[in-house]
């Protein structure tokens, strides 16, 4: 099954149950997290993305991820402390939602001004 890549400004999947009016606010919350706390990202597999965040953003990242999984239940977030005050957040999705993870990675890198 081939899916159309999602644009950086349109990464919200059709499966998302967050009301349309609230989606720009959620996007802004992710953008703020990426702009202020994202130190790097690594694509571990097509269905897995690892975000390296400043450990000071852990509460914000956990809260945002918890709320995101209520509307996009296909996301899974796992956390692990890392060296040098960093937090590793692994984001995984089923194969059917790889395009969403691709768009999230692109948006995160662009917002944090990282090389994708």
Protein backbone atom coordinates (compact mmCIF):
# COMPACT_ATOMS: atom_id res chain seq x y z
CA UNK A 1 0.00 0.00 0.00
CA UNK A 2 1.49 3.34 -1.06
CA UNK A 3 0.53 6.46 0.80
CA UNK A 4 1.00 10.04 -0.26
CA UNK A 5 3.70 11.84 1.79
CA UNK A 6 2.28 14.42 4.16
CA UNK A 7 3.43 18.03 3.83
CA UNK A 8 5.33 19.62 6.69
CA UNK A 9 2.34 21.85 7.48
CA UNK A 10 -0.19 19.04 7.05
CA UNK A 11 1.17 16.16 9.11
CA UNK A 12 -2.04 15.52 11.02
CA UNK A 13 -3.38 12.16 9.79
CA UNK A 14 -7.00 11.57 8.88
CA UNK A 15 -7.15 9.04 11.74
CA UNK A 16 -6.63 11.84 14.28
CA UNK A 17 -9.69 12.46 16.45
CA UNK A 18 -8.53 15.85 17.80
CA UNK A 19 -11.10 18.45 16.75
CA UNK A 20 -9.93 20.32 13.66
CA UNK A 21 -10.08 23.67 15.46
CA UNK A 22 -7.62 22.38 18.10
CA UNK A 23 -5.08 20.92 15.66
CA UNK A 24 -3.19 24.20 15.02
CA UNK A 25 -2.80 24.65 18.78
CA UNK A 26 -1.37 21.14 19.16
CA UNK A 27 0.97 21.76 16.22
CA UNK A 28 2.15 24.95 17.93
CA UNK A 29 2.83 22.99 21.12
CA UNK A 30 4.98 20.50 19.22
CA UNK A 31 6.74 23.34 17.42
CA UNK A 32 7.53 25.01 20.75
CA UNK A 33 8.88 21.75 22.18
CA UNK A 34 11.05 21.19 19.10
CA UNK A 35 12.27 24.80 18.97
CA UNK A 36 13.18 24.96 22.64
CA UNK A 37 14.20 21.43 23.54
CA UNK A 38 15.09 19.30 20.52
CA UNK A 39 18.82 18.60 20.41
CA UNK A 40 18.79 16.00 17.66
CA UNK A 41 16.88 13.19 16.05
CA UNK A 42 17.71 9.83 14.61
CA UNK A 43 15.61 7.57 12.43
CA UNK A 44 16.08 4.13 13.97
CA UNK A 45 13.79 2.34 11.51
CA UNK A 46 10.99 3.34 9.13
CA UNK A 47 8.53 3.04 12.02
CA UNK A 48 10.77 4.41 14.79
CA UNK A 49 12.13 7.91 15.44
CA UNK A 50 14.34 8.88 18.36
CA UNK A 51 14.21 12.46 19.60
CA UNK A 52 17.01 13.80 21.78
CA UNK A 53 15.50 16.44 24.04
CA UNK A 54 16.88 18.66 26.75
CA UNK A 55 15.99 16.84 29.98
CA UNK A 56 14.40 20.05 31.28
CA UNK A 57 11.58 19.51 28.76
CA UNK A 58 10.62 16.07 30.08
CA UNK A 59 7.40 17.12 31.84
CA UNK A 60 6.25 19.04 28.77
CA UNK A 61 7.17 16.21 26.41
CA UNK A 62 5.38 13.59 28.52
CA UNK A 63 2.25 15.73 28.86
CA UNK A 64 2.13 16.50 25.14
CA UNK A 65 2.72 12.85 24.18
CA UNK A 66 0.01 11.66 26.58
CA UNK A 67 -2.50 14.06 25.07
CA UNK A 68 -1.41 13.14 21.54
CA UNK A 69 -2.01 9.44 22.10
CA UNK A 70 -5.60 10.16 23.13
CA UNK A 71 -6.41 11.45 19.64
CA UNK A 72 -3.84 9.52 17.60
CA UNK A 73 -3.74 6.20 19.40
CA UNK A 74 -1.35 4.66 16.87
CA UNK A 75 1.57 6.67 18.35
CA UNK A 76 3.73 5.09 21.06
CA UNK A 77 6.22 7.14 23.10
CA UNK A 78 8.99 5.64 25.24
CA UNK A 79 11.39 7.63 27.42
CA UNK A 80 14.92 7.01 28.65
CA UNK A 81 17.43 9.31 30.33
CA UNK A 82 20.68 9.86 28.45
CA UNK A 83 24.06 11.37 29.18
CA UNK A 84 24.69 15.10 29.36
CA UNK A 85 21.23 16.14 30.56
CA UNK A 86 19.36 14.69 27.63
CA UNK A 87 16.14 12.73 27.40
CA UNK A 88 15.66 10.14 24.66
CA UNK A 89 12.12 9.84 23.38
CA UNK A 90 11.40 7.04 20.97
CA UNK A 91 8.31 7.61 18.85
CA UNK A 92 6.95 4.60 17.04
CA UNK A 93 4.02 3.98 14.73
CA UNK A 94 2.57 1.02 12.84
CA UNK A 95 3.68 0.63 9.23
CA UNK A 96 0.40 2.13 7.98
CA UNK A 97 1.37 5.47 9.61
CA UNK A 98 5.00 5.81 8.45
CA UNK A 99 4.06 8.90 6.41
CA UNK A 100 2.91 10.59 9.64
CA UNK A 101 6.21 9.79 11.33
CA UNK A 102 8.09 11.04 8.24
CA UNK A 103 6.23 14.34 8.39
CA UNK A 104 6.75 14.65 12.16
CA UNK A 105 10.50 14.10 11.72
CA UNK A 106 10.67 16.68 8.94
CA UNK A 107 8.69 19.21 10.96
CA UNK A 108 10.81 18.61 14.08
CA UNK A 109 14.07 19.04 12.17
CA UNK A 110 12.86 22.17 10.39
CA UNK A 111 11.46 23.75 13.54
CA UNK A 112 14.64 23.04 15.51
CA UNK A 113 16.74 23.96 12.47
CA UNK A 114 18.40 20.56 12.32
CA UNK A 115 19.51 18.75 9.21
CA UNK A 116 16.82 16.17 8.38
